[in-house]
Amino acid sequence: MKFTAFIKPVLAVTALSIASLSFADNILIVMSDKSELELKEGKTYTTGFYLNELMEPVKRFLDEGHTLTFATPSGVVPAMDPNSDSLSLFGNDQAYYDAHKALLNELKLIDIVNSPVVSFDRVEQIGIEHFDAFFAPGGHAPMEDLLVDDQLGRILTAFHTTNKPTGLVCHGPIALLSTLKNNDEFVQQLTNGQKAVADENWIYKGYKMTVFSNTEEDAAKGYLGGGEMKFYPETALSAAGGDYKRSQADWAQNVVVDRELITGQNPASAKAVAEEILKKL
């Protein structure tokens, strides 16, 4: 296979292991380019993507020989949530953690000078039809920008229309709101504590889906340094018309598949979302 210009910095051993393949699917990896989440009362939370939620799927995709294109709304290098750089999120397995952290560094995803990340403009220039699957990790950052990004809404709609695998994990599924025709108004209503009224023709209306649960948000409040989120993603996706499904216990792996849509509830669900995407490719 050939790597695109956006994935050149791949481990040499990975490139060699897949060189014999005659073709590979191109997976679009979408991240927020925000590093802070605005909270109530003017407070902020330093955030970004969650390390395991991004790198466990990325490593699986590369191990299976797929080409990856990384993108953020404006092409700004994404930030990593500092709370996610934790051995506990990798099963307290030092070797497993080290392998994924090394791959992050090898890919230079958060390297300000050499990052391969491109903008949504560039994705549309390439042509959305050239991508075979979509994946978005969590971390709180998507709740700052992806949920109201009209360009992302067009990208997701194209994947929906062509029935291509669309995977998102933890807070990532909040990006599905970008496909609402009234996404700005809907999010503002949620922010104001009003009853949020979504576009009745939302493309994901009635889809079974999951996202970081309200009870998990409550349990994780300590990370916010005394701040409070403006609204929770479970509440938002349910109000928009999603058929929310959660695990019986907080933090337990939970992946929901409905047609082309694959959603994972929390960090423990990231690798399983990747496996479901791979099944569909």
C-alpha atoms as a PDB file:
ATOM      1  CA  MET A   1       0.000   0.000   0.000  1.00  0.00           C
ATOM      2  CA  LYS A   2       0.948   3.645  -0.180  1.00  0.00           C
ATOM      3  CA  PHE A   3       0.669   6.044   2.707  1.00  0.00           C
ATOM      4  CA  THR A   4      -0.803   9.445   1.912  1.00  0.00           C
ATOM      5  CA  ALA A   5       1.272  12.534   2.481  1.00  0.00           C
ATOM      6  CA  PHE A   6      -0.549  12.969   5.770  1.00  0.00           C
ATOM      7  CA  ILE A   7       0.711   9.739   7.346  1.00  0.00           C
ATOM      8  CA  LYS A   8       4.340   9.648   6.256  1.00  0.00           C
ATOM      9  CA  PRO A   9       5.730   9.631   9.788  1.00  0.00           C
ATOM     10  CA  VAL A  10       4.655   6.037  10.427  1.00  0.00           C
ATOM     11  CA  LEU A  11       6.931   3.517  12.088  1.00  0.00           C
ATOM     12  CA  ALA A  12       9.144   1.898   9.466  1.00  0.00           C
ATOM     13  CA  VAL A  13       8.281  -1.546  10.775  1.00  0.00           C
ATOM     14  CA  THR A  14       4.581  -0.800  10.281  1.00  0.00           C
ATOM     15  CA  ALA A  15       5.144   0.344   6.719  1.00  0.00           C
ATOM     16  CA  LEU A  16       7.157  -2.773   5.968  1.00  0.00           C
ATOM     17  CA  SER A  17       4.567  -5.065   7.460  1.00  0.00           C
ATOM     18  CA  ILE A  18       1.848  -3.754   5.135  1.00  0.00           C
ATOM     19  CA  ALA A  19       3.903  -3.076   2.020  1.00  0.00           C
ATOM     20  CA  SER A  20       2.700  -6.271   0.405  1.00  0.00           C
ATOM     21  CA  LEU A  21      -0.945  -5.218   0.442  1.00  0.00           C
ATOM     22  CA  SER A  22      -2.289  -4.048  -2.896  1.00  0.00           C
ATOM     23  CA  PHE A  23      -4.773  -1.581  -1.417  1.00  0.00           C
ATOM     24  CA  ALA A  24      -5.928  -0.171   1.899  1.00  0.00           C
ATOM     25  CA  ASP A  25      -8.941   1.661   3.174  1.00  0.00           C
ATOM     26  CA  ASN A  26      -8.445   5.305   4.092  1.00  0.00           C
ATOM     27  CA  ILE A  27      -9.840   6.126   7.538  1.00  0.00           C
ATOM     28  CA  LEU A  28     -10.525   9.748   8.419  1.00  0.00           C
ATOM     29  CA  ILE A  29      -9.574  10.499  12.033  1.00  0.00           C
ATOM     30  CA  VAL A  30     -11.261  13.679  13.242  1.00  0.00           C
ATOM     31  CA  MET A  31     -10.261  15.576  16.385  1.00  0.00           C
ATOM     32  CA  SER A  32     -11.076  18.909  17.966  1.00  0.00           C
ATOM     33  CA  ASP A  33      -8.479  21.653  17.707  1.00  0.00           C
ATOM     34  CA  LYS A  34      -9.511  23.134  21.063  1.00  0.00           C
ATOM     35  CA  SER A  35      -7.476  22.741  24.235  1.00  0.00           C
ATOM     36  CA  GLU A  36      -9.981  24.200  26.699  1.00  0.00           C
ATOM     37  CA  LEU A  37     -13.634  23.583  27.491  1.00  0.00           C
ATOM     38  CA  GLU A  38     -15.651  26.547  28.684  1.00  0.00           C
ATOM     39  CA  LEU A  39     -17.551  25.745  31.860  1.00  0.00           C
ATOM     40  CA  LYS A  40     -20.224  27.596  33.767  1.00  0.00           C
ATOM     41  CA  GLU A  41     -19.371  30.843  35.567  1.00  0.00           C
ATOM     42  CA  GLY A  42     -16.494  31.597  33.206  1.00  0.00           C
ATOM     43  CA  LYS A  43     -14.342  28.704  34.367  1.00  0.00           C
ATOM     44  CA  THR A  44     -12.361  26.518  31.958  1.00  0.00           C
ATOM     45  CA  TYR A  45     -11.000  22.984  31.850  1.00  0.00           C
ATOM     46  CA  THR A  46      -7.755  22.109  30.065  1.00  0.00           C
ATOM     47  CA  THR A  47      -8.561  19.268  27.722  1.00  0.00           C
ATOM     48  CA  GLY A  48      -8.004  17.756  24.271  1.00  0.00           C
ATOM     49  CA  PHE A  49      -8.216  14.183  22.986  1.00  0.00           C
ATOM     50  CA  TYR A  50      -7.928  11.224  25.363  1.00  0.00           C
ATOM     51  CA  LEU A  51      -4.723   9.319  24.720  1.00  0.00           C
ATOM     52  CA  ASN A  52      -6.091   5.784  24.768  1.00  0.00           C
ATOM     53  CA  GLU A  53      -9.272   6.749  22.906  1.00  0.00           C
ATOM     54  CA  LEU A  54      -7.197   7.994  19.995  1.00  0.00           C
ATOM     55  CA  MET A  55      -4.190   5.702  20.006  1.00  0.00           C
ATOM     56  CA  GLU A  56      -5.755   2.301  20.668  1.00  0.00           C
ATOM     57  CA  PRO A  57      -7.910   2.615  17.517  1.00  0.00           C
ATOM     58  CA  VAL A  58      -5.092   4.253  15.528  1.00  0.00           C
ATOM     59  CA  LYS A  59      -2.708   1.403  16.322  1.00  0.00           C
ATOM     60  CA  ARG A  60      -5.317  -1.211  15.412  1.00  0.00           C
ATOM     61  CA  PHE A  61      -6.055   0.512  12.106  1.00  0.00           C
ATOM     62  CA  LEU A  62      -2.369   0.719  11.230  1.00  0.00           C
ATOM     63  CA  ASP A  63      -1.733  -2.861  12.313  1.00  0.00           C
ATOM     64  CA  GLU A  64      -4.436  -3.918   9.849  1.00  0.00           C
ATOM     65  CA  GLY A  65      -2.750  -1.988   7.041  1.00  0.00           C
ATOM     66  CA  HIS A  66      -5.094   0.953   6.642  1.00  0.00           C
ATOM     67  CA  THR A  67      -4.167   4.460   5.588  1.00  0.00           C
ATOM     68  CA  LEU A  68      -5.054   7.219   8.047  1.00  0.00           C
ATOM     69  CA  THR A  69      -5.738  10.899   7.470  1.00  0.00           C
ATOM     70  CA  PHE A  70      -5.859  13.093  10.576  1.00  0.00           C
ATOM     71  CA  ALA A  71      -7.925  16.276  10.570  1.00  0.00           C
ATOM     72  CA  THR A  72      -9.100  19.082  12.845  1.00  0.00           C
ATOM     73  CA  PRO A  73     -11.482  21.903  11.864  1.00  0.00           C
ATOM     74  CA  SER A  74      -8.776  24.426  10.996  1.00  0.00           C
ATOM     75  CA  GLY A  75      -5.790  22.105  10.763  1.00  0.00           C
ATOM     76  CA  VAL A  76      -4.489  23.269  14.152  1.00  0.00           C
ATOM     77  CA  VAL A  77      -2.471  20.596  15.930  1.00  0.00           C
ATOM     78  CA  PRO A  78      -4.713  18.894  18.513  1.00  0.00           C
ATOM     79  CA  ALA A  79      -3.956  18.878  22.220  1.00  0.00           C
ATOM     80  CA  MET A  80      -3.881  15.826  24.456  1.00  0.00           C
ATOM     81  CA  ASP A  81      -5.889  15.969  27.659  1.00  0.00           C
ATOM     82  CA  PRO A  82      -3.187  15.770  30.361  1.00  0.00           C
ATOM     83  CA  ASN A  83      -5.455  13.629  32.541  1.00  0.00           C
ATOM     84  CA  SER A  84      -5.502  10.967  29.846  1.00  0.00           C
ATOM     85  CA  ASP A  85      -1.748  10.361  29.887  1.00  0.00           C
ATOM     86  CA  SER A  86      -2.297   7.645  32.448  1.00  0.00           C
ATOM     87  CA  LEU A  87      -1.147   4.054  32.782  1.00  0.00           C
ATOM     88  CA  SER A  88      -4.524   3.175  34.318  1.00  0.00           C
ATOM     89  CA  LEU A  89      -6.262   3.806  30.982  1.00  0.00           C
ATOM     90  CA  PHE A  90      -4.031   1.138  29.432  1.00  0.00           C
ATOM     91  CA  GLY A  91      -4.869  -1.537  31.972  1.00  0.00           C
ATOM     92  CA  ASN A  92      -1.829  -0.611  34.075  1.00  0.00           C
ATOM     93  CA  ASP A  93       0.254  -2.446  31.479  1.00  0.00           C
ATOM     94  CA  GLN A  94       3.494  -0.503  31.104  1.00  0.00           C
ATOM     95  CA  ALA A  95       4.559  -2.151  27.842  1.00  0.00           C
ATOM     96  CA  TYR A  96       1.099  -1.615  26.323  1.00  0.00           C
ATOM     97  CA  TYR A  97       1.107   2.040  27.363  1.00  0.00           C
ATOM     98  CA  ASP A  98       4.655   2.555  26.080  1.00  0.00           C
ATOM     99  CA  ALA A  99       3.786   1.128  22.653  1.00  0.00           C
ATOM    100  CA  HIS A 100       0.882   3.524  22.180  1.00  0.00           C
ATOM    101  CA  LYS A 101       2.714   6.557  23.516  1.00  0.00           C
ATOM    102  CA  ALA A 102       5.670   5.760  21.240  1.00  0.00           C
ATOM    103  CA  LEU A 103       3.341   5.573  18.235  1.00  0.00           C
ATOM    104  CA  LEU A 104       1.839   8.958  19.119  1.00  0.00           C
ATOM    105  CA  ASN A 105       5.337  10.428  19.126  1.00  0.00           C
ATOM    106  CA  GLU A 106       6.318   8.615  15.935  1.00  0.00           C
ATOM    107  CA  LEU A 107       3.292   9.971  14.101  1.00  0.00           C
ATOM    108  CA  LYS A 108       4.101  13.481  15.395  1.00  0.00           C
ATOM    109  CA  LEU A 109       0.397  14.200  15.876  1.00  0.00           C
ATOM    110  CA  ILE A 110       0.992  16.840  18.543  1.00  0.00           C
ATOM    111  CA  ASP A 111       4.237  18.153  17.058  1.00  0.00           C
ATOM    112  CA  ILE A 112       3.605  21.844  16.315  1.00  0.00           C
ATOM    113  CA  VAL A 113       6.088  21.852  13.419  1.00  0.00           C
ATOM    114  CA  ASN A 114       5.766  18.398  11.864  1.00  0.00           C
ATOM    115  CA  SER A 115       2.215  17.255  12.604  1.00  0.00           C
ATOM    116  CA  PRO A 116       0.470  15.545   9.659  1.00  0.00           C
ATOM    117  CA  VAL A 117      -2.921  16.963  10.704  1.00  0.00           C
ATOM    118  CA  VAL A 118      -4.908  18.702   7.957  1.00  0.00           C
ATOM    119  CA  SER A 119      -7.956  20.963   7.972  1.00  0.00           C
ATOM    120  CA  PHE A 120     -11.545  20.145   7.067  1.00  0.00           C
ATOM    121  CA  ASP A 121     -11.029  22.370   4.020  1.00  0.00           C
ATOM    122  CA  ARG A 122      -8.295  20.006   2.874  1.00  0.00           C
ATOM    123  CA  VAL A 123     -10.498  16.973   3.545  1.00  0.00           C
ATOM    124  CA  GLU A 124     -13.159  18.419   1.262  1.00  0.00           C
ATOM    125  CA  GLN A 125     -10.518  19.275  -1.363  1.00  0.00           C
ATOM    126  CA  ILE A 126      -9.328  15.666  -1.321  1.00  0.00           C
ATOM    127  CA  GLY A 127     -12.940  14.571  -1.651  1.00  0.00           C
ATOM    128  CA  ILE A 128     -14.957  12.908   1.096  1.00  0.00           C
ATOM    129  CA  GLU A 129     -15.672  10.063  -1.299  1.00  0.00           C
ATOM    130  CA  HIS A 130     -12.015   9.008  -1.020  1.00  0.00           C
ATOM    131  CA  PHE A 131     -12.458   8.061   2.653  1.00  0.00           C
ATOM    132  CA  ASP A 132     -13.821   4.671   3.636  1.00  0.00           C
ATOM    133  CA  ALA A 133     -14.490   5.122   7.363  1.00  0.00           C
ATOM    134  CA  PHE A 134     -14.690   7.836   9.999  1.00  0.00           C
ATOM    135  CA  PHE A 135     -13.452   7.854  13.582  1.00  0.00           C
ATOM    136  CA  ALA A 136     -13.505  10.498  16.330  1.00  0.00           C
ATOM    137  CA  PRO A 137     -12.025  10.035  19.810  1.00  0.00           C
ATOM    138  CA  GLY A 138     -13.287  11.725  22.927  1.00  0.00           C
ATOM    139  CA  GLY A 139     -11.912  13.948  25.591  1.00  0.00           C
ATOM    140  CA  HIS A 140     -14.068  16.971  26.402  1.00  0.00           C
ATOM    141  CA  ALA A 141     -12.687  19.036  23.507  1.00  0.00           C
ATOM    142  CA  PRO A 142     -15.333  17.993  20.909  1.00  0.00           C
ATOM    143  CA  MET A 143     -17.938  19.668  23.112  1.00  0.00           C
ATOM    144  CA  GLU A 144     -16.274  22.996  22.432  1.00  0.00           C
ATOM    145  CA  ASP A 145     -16.264  22.997  18.629  1.00  0.00           C
ATOM    146  CA  LEU A 146     -17.167  19.810  16.746  1.00  0.00           C
ATOM    147  CA  LEU A 147     -20.828  19.798  17.795  1.00  0.00           C
ATOM    148  CA  VAL A 148     -21.554  23.041  15.902  1.00  0.00           C
ATOM    149  CA  ASP A 149     -19.122  22.716  12.999  1.00  0.00           C
ATOM    150  CA  ASP A 150     -21.182  22.865   9.793  1.00  0.00           C
ATOM    151  CA  GLN A 151     -18.287  21.595   7.712  1.00  0.00           C
ATOM    152  CA  LEU A 152     -18.057  18.501   9.892  1.00  0.00           C
ATOM    153  CA  GLY A 153     -21.816  18.192   9.496  1.00  0.00           C
ATOM    154  CA  ARG A 154     -21.345  17.923   5.736  1.00  0.00           C
ATOM    155  CA  ILE A 155     -18.581  15.354   6.172  1.00  0.00           C
ATOM    156  CA  LEU A 156     -20.650  13.176   8.510  1.00  0.00           C
ATOM    157  CA  THR A 157     -23.695  13.491   6.266  1.00  0.00           C
ATOM    158  CA  ALA A 158     -21.634  12.182   3.347  1.00  0.00           C
ATOM    159  CA  PHE A 159     -20.586   9.134   5.388  1.00  0.00           C
ATOM    160  CA  HIS A 160     -24.203   8.600   6.458  1.00  0.00           C
ATOM    161  CA  THR A 161     -25.548   8.901   2.907  1.00  0.00           C
ATOM    162  CA  THR A 162     -23.052   6.349   1.588  1.00  0.00           C
ATOM    163  CA  ASN A 163     -23.451   4.021   4.589  1.00  0.00           C
ATOM    164  CA  LYS A 164     -19.755   4.107   5.483  1.00  0.00           C
ATOM    165  CA  PRO A 165     -18.596   3.080   8.977  1.00  0.00           C
ATOM    166  CA  THR A 166     -18.814   6.048  11.348  1.00  0.00           C
ATOM    167  CA  GLY A 167     -17.249   5.480  14.763  1.00  0.00           C
ATOM    168  CA  LEU A 168     -17.070   7.837  17.735  1.00  0.00           C
ATOM    169  CA  VAL A 169     -16.184   7.222  21.380  1.00  0.00           C
ATOM    170  CA  CYS A 170     -16.767   8.773  24.822  1.00  0.00           C
ATOM    171  CA  HIS A 171     -17.446  12.516  24.262  1.00  0.00           C
ATOM    172  CA  GLY A 172     -16.803  12.104  20.537  1.00  0.00           C
ATOM    173  CA  PRO A 173     -20.430  11.260  19.635  1.00  0.00           C
ATOM    174  CA  ILE A 174     -21.418  14.828  20.542  1.00  0.00           C
ATOM    175  CA  ALA A 175     -20.033  15.655  17.080  1.00  0.00           C
ATOM    176  CA  LEU A 176     -23.139  14.044  15.589  1.00  0.00           C
ATOM    177  CA  LEU A 177     -25.020  17.227  16.517  1.00  0.00           C
ATOM    178  CA  SER A 178     -23.068  19.032  13.796  1.00  0.00           C
ATOM    179  CA  THR A 179     -25.431  17.445  11.263  1.00  0.00           C
ATOM    180  CA  LEU A 180     -28.427  19.278  12.753  1.00  0.00           C
ATOM    181  CA  LYS A 181     -29.579  22.118  10.527  1.00  0.00           C
ATOM    182  CA  ASN A 182     -30.100  24.175  13.678  1.00  0.00           C
ATOM    183  CA  ASN A 183     -27.017  23.001  15.583  1.00  0.00           C
ATOM    184  CA  ASP A 184     -26.078  26.470  16.879  1.00  0.00           C
ATOM    185  CA  GLU A 185     -29.582  27.189  18.147  1.00  0.00           C
ATOM    186  CA  PHE A 186     -29.947  23.721  19.652  1.00  0.00           C
ATOM    187  CA  VAL A 187     -26.647  23.966  21.558  1.00  0.00           C
ATOM    188  CA  GLN A 188     -27.465  27.465  22.749  1.00  0.00           C
ATOM    189  CA  GLN A 189     -30.779  26.223  24.133  1.00  0.00           C
ATOM    190  CA  LEU A 190     -28.948  23.471  26.028  1.00  0.00           C
ATOM    191  CA  THR A 191     -26.420  25.995  27.311  1.00  0.00           C
ATOM    192  CA  ASN A 192     -29.200  28.276  28.540  1.00  0.00           C
ATOM    193  CA  GLY A 193     -30.942  25.416  30.341  1.00  0.00           C
ATOM    194  CA  GLN A 194     -33.927  25.677  28.016  1.00  0.00           C
ATOM    195  CA  LYS A 195     -35.841  22.865  26.370  1.00  0.00           C
ATOM    196  CA  ALA A 196     -33.743  22.090  23.306  1.00  0.00           C
ATOM    197  CA  VAL A 197     -35.691  21.551  20.085  1.00  0.00           C
ATOM    198  CA  ALA A 198     -33.780  19.771  17.337  1.00  0.00           C
ATOM    199  CA  ASP A 199     -34.331  19.705  13.609  1.00  0.00           C
ATOM    200  CA  GLU A 200     -36.961  16.986  13.188  1.00  0.00           C
ATOM    201  CA  ASN A 201     -35.159  15.650  10.117  1.00  0.00           C
ATOM    202  CA  TRP A 202     -31.896  14.902  11.957  1.00  0.00           C
ATOM    203  CA  ILE A 203     -30.157  12.145  10.027  1.00  0.00           C
ATOM    204  CA  TYR A 204     -29.431  10.163  13.217  1.00  0.00           C
ATOM    205  CA  LYS A 205     -32.917  10.510  14.710  1.00  0.00           C
ATOM    206  CA  GLY A 206     -33.996   7.173  16.156  1.00  0.00           C
ATOM    207  CA  TYR A 207     -30.505   5.651  15.892  1.00  0.00           C
ATOM    208  CA  LYS A 208     -29.383   3.594  18.861  1.00  0.00           C
ATOM    209  CA  MET A 209     -26.273   5.280  20.231  1.00  0.00           C
ATOM    210  CA  THR A 210     -24.203   5.855  23.321  1.00  0.00           C
ATOM    211  CA  VAL A 211     -21.912   8.527  24.738  1.00  0.00           C
ATOM    212  CA  PHE A 212     -20.270   9.294  28.094  1.00  0.00           C
ATOM    213  CA  SER A 213     -23.148   8.922  30.540  1.00  0.00           C
ATOM    214  CA  ASN A 214     -24.575  11.527  32.883  1.00  0.00           C
ATOM    215  CA  THR A 215     -23.632   9.407  35.899  1.00  0.00           C
ATOM    216  CA  GLU A 216     -20.069   9.082  34.654  1.00  0.00           C
ATOM    217  CA  GLU A 217     -19.965  12.859  34.200  1.00  0.00           C
ATOM    218  CA  ASP A 218     -21.120  13.296  37.790  1.00  0.00           C
ATOM    219  CA  ALA A 219     -18.490  10.855  39.021  1.00  0.00           C
ATOM    220  CA  ALA A 220     -15.747  12.659  37.065  1.00  0.00           C
ATOM    221  CA  LYS A 221     -16.572  16.171  38.291  1.00  0.00           C
ATOM    222  CA  GLY A 222     -13.368  16.240  40.276  1.00  0.00           C
ATOM    223  CA  TYR A 223     -11.370  16.594  37.070  1.00  0.00           C
ATOM    224  CA  LEU A 224     -13.078  19.923  36.404  1.00  0.00           C
ATOM    225  CA  GLY A 225     -11.451  21.634  39.373  1.00  0.00           C
ATOM    226  CA  GLY A 226     -14.725  22.747  40.912  1.00  0.00           C
ATOM    227  CA  GLY A 227     -16.234  23.796  37.592  1.00  0.00           C
ATOM    228  CA  GLU A 228     -19.451  22.544  36.058  1.00  0.00           C
ATOM    229  CA  MET A 229     -20.218  21.642  32.468  1.00  0.00           C
ATOM    230  CA  LYS A 230     -22.878  23.661  30.679  1.00  0.00           C
ATOM    231  CA  PHE A 231     -24.690  20.453  29.695  1.00  0.00           C
ATOM    232  CA  TYR A 232     -24.000  16.745  29.403  1.00  0.00           C
ATOM    233  CA  PRO A 233     -23.678  14.863  26.090  1.00  0.00           C
ATOM    234  CA  GLU A 234     -26.146  12.128  27.061  1.00  0.00           C
ATOM    235  CA  THR A 235     -28.784  14.782  27.661  1.00  0.00           C
ATOM    236  CA  ALA A 236     -27.960  16.510  24.382  1.00  0.00           C
ATOM    237  CA  LEU A 237     -28.052  13.446  22.120  1.00  0.00           C
ATOM    238  CA  SER A 238     -31.248  12.188  23.747  1.00  0.00           C
ATOM    239  CA  ALA A 239     -32.903  15.584  23.258  1.00  0.00           C
ATOM    240  CA  ALA A 240     -31.844  15.573  19.601  1.00  0.00           C
ATOM    241  CA  GLY A 241     -33.641  12.273  19.015  1.00  0.00           C
ATOM    242  CA  GLY A 242     -30.986   9.639  19.651  1.00  0.00           C
ATOM    243  CA  ASP A 243     -32.031   6.339  21.275  1.00  0.00           C
ATOM    244  CA  TYR A 244     -29.518   6.346  24.119  1.00  0.00           C
ATOM    245  CA  LYS A 245     -28.121   3.034  25.391  1.00  0.00           C
ATOM    246  CA  ARG A 246     -25.724   2.778  28.328  1.00  0.00           C
ATOM    247  CA  SER A 247     -23.859   0.079  30.216  1.00  0.00           C
ATOM    248  CA  GLN A 248     -25.333  -1.315  33.415  1.00  0.00           C
ATOM    249  CA  ALA A 249     -22.334  -0.048  35.392  1.00  0.00           C
ATOM    250  CA  ASP A 250     -20.333   3.146  34.996  1.00  0.00           C
ATOM    251  CA  TRP A 251     -16.962   2.774  33.241  1.00  0.00           C
ATOM    252  CA  ALA A 252     -17.855  -0.637  31.776  1.00  0.00           C
ATOM    253  CA  GLN A 253     -17.170  -1.175  28.075  1.00  0.00           C
ATOM    254  CA  ASN A 254     -20.226  -0.448  25.960  1.00  0.00           C
ATOM    255  CA  VAL A 255     -20.394  -0.249  22.173  1.00  0.00           C
ATOM    256  CA  VAL A 256     -23.615   0.349  20.277  1.00  0.00           C
ATOM    257  CA  VAL A 257     -23.896  -0.418  16.551  1.00  0.00           C
ATOM    258  CA  ASP A 258     -26.843   0.797  14.508  1.00  0.00           C
ATOM    259  CA  ARG A 259     -26.511   0.697  10.744  1.00  0.00           C
ATOM    260  CA  GLU A 260     -23.319   2.590   9.829  1.00  0.00           C
ATOM    261  CA  LEU A 261     -23.054   4.283  13.235  1.00  0.00           C
ATOM    262  CA  ILE A 262     -20.718   2.834  15.889  1.00  0.00           C
ATOM    263  CA  THR A 263     -20.540   4.583  19.247  1.00  0.00           C
ATOM    264  CA  GLY A 264     -18.619   3.806  22.435  1.00  0.00           C
ATOM    265  CA  GLN A 265     -19.584   5.043  25.891  1.00  0.00           C
ATOM    266  CA  ASN A 266     -16.274   5.682  27.641  1.00  0.00           C
ATOM    267  CA  PRO A 267     -12.482   5.203  27.488  1.00  0.00           C
ATOM    268  CA  ALA A 268     -12.853   1.456  28.061  1.00  0.00           C
ATOM    269  CA  SER A 269     -14.867   1.236  24.821  1.00  0.00           C
ATOM    270  CA  ALA A 270     -12.323   2.758  22.424  1.00  0.00           C
ATOM    271  CA  LYS A 271     -10.640  -0.381  21.154  1.00  0.00           C
ATOM    272  CA  ALA A 272     -13.968  -2.177  20.748  1.00  0.00           C
ATOM    273  CA  VAL A 273     -15.242   0.690  18.566  1.00  0.00           C
ATOM    274  CA  ALA A 274     -12.166   0.225  16.384  1.00  0.00           C
ATOM    275  CA  GLU A 275     -12.861  -3.501  16.090  1.00  0.00           C
ATOM    276  CA  GLU A 276     -16.409  -2.812  14.925  1.00  0.00           C
ATOM    277  CA  ILE A 277     -15.134  -0.375  12.308  1.00  0.00           C
ATOM    278  CA  LEU A 278     -12.671  -2.985  11.075  1.00  0.00           C
ATOM    279  CA  LYS A 279     -15.473  -5.560  10.790  1.00  0.00           C
ATOM    280  CA  LYS A 280     -17.308  -3.238   8.407  1.00  0.00           C
ATOM    281  CA  LEU A 281     -14.320  -2.509   6.180  1.00  0.00           C
END
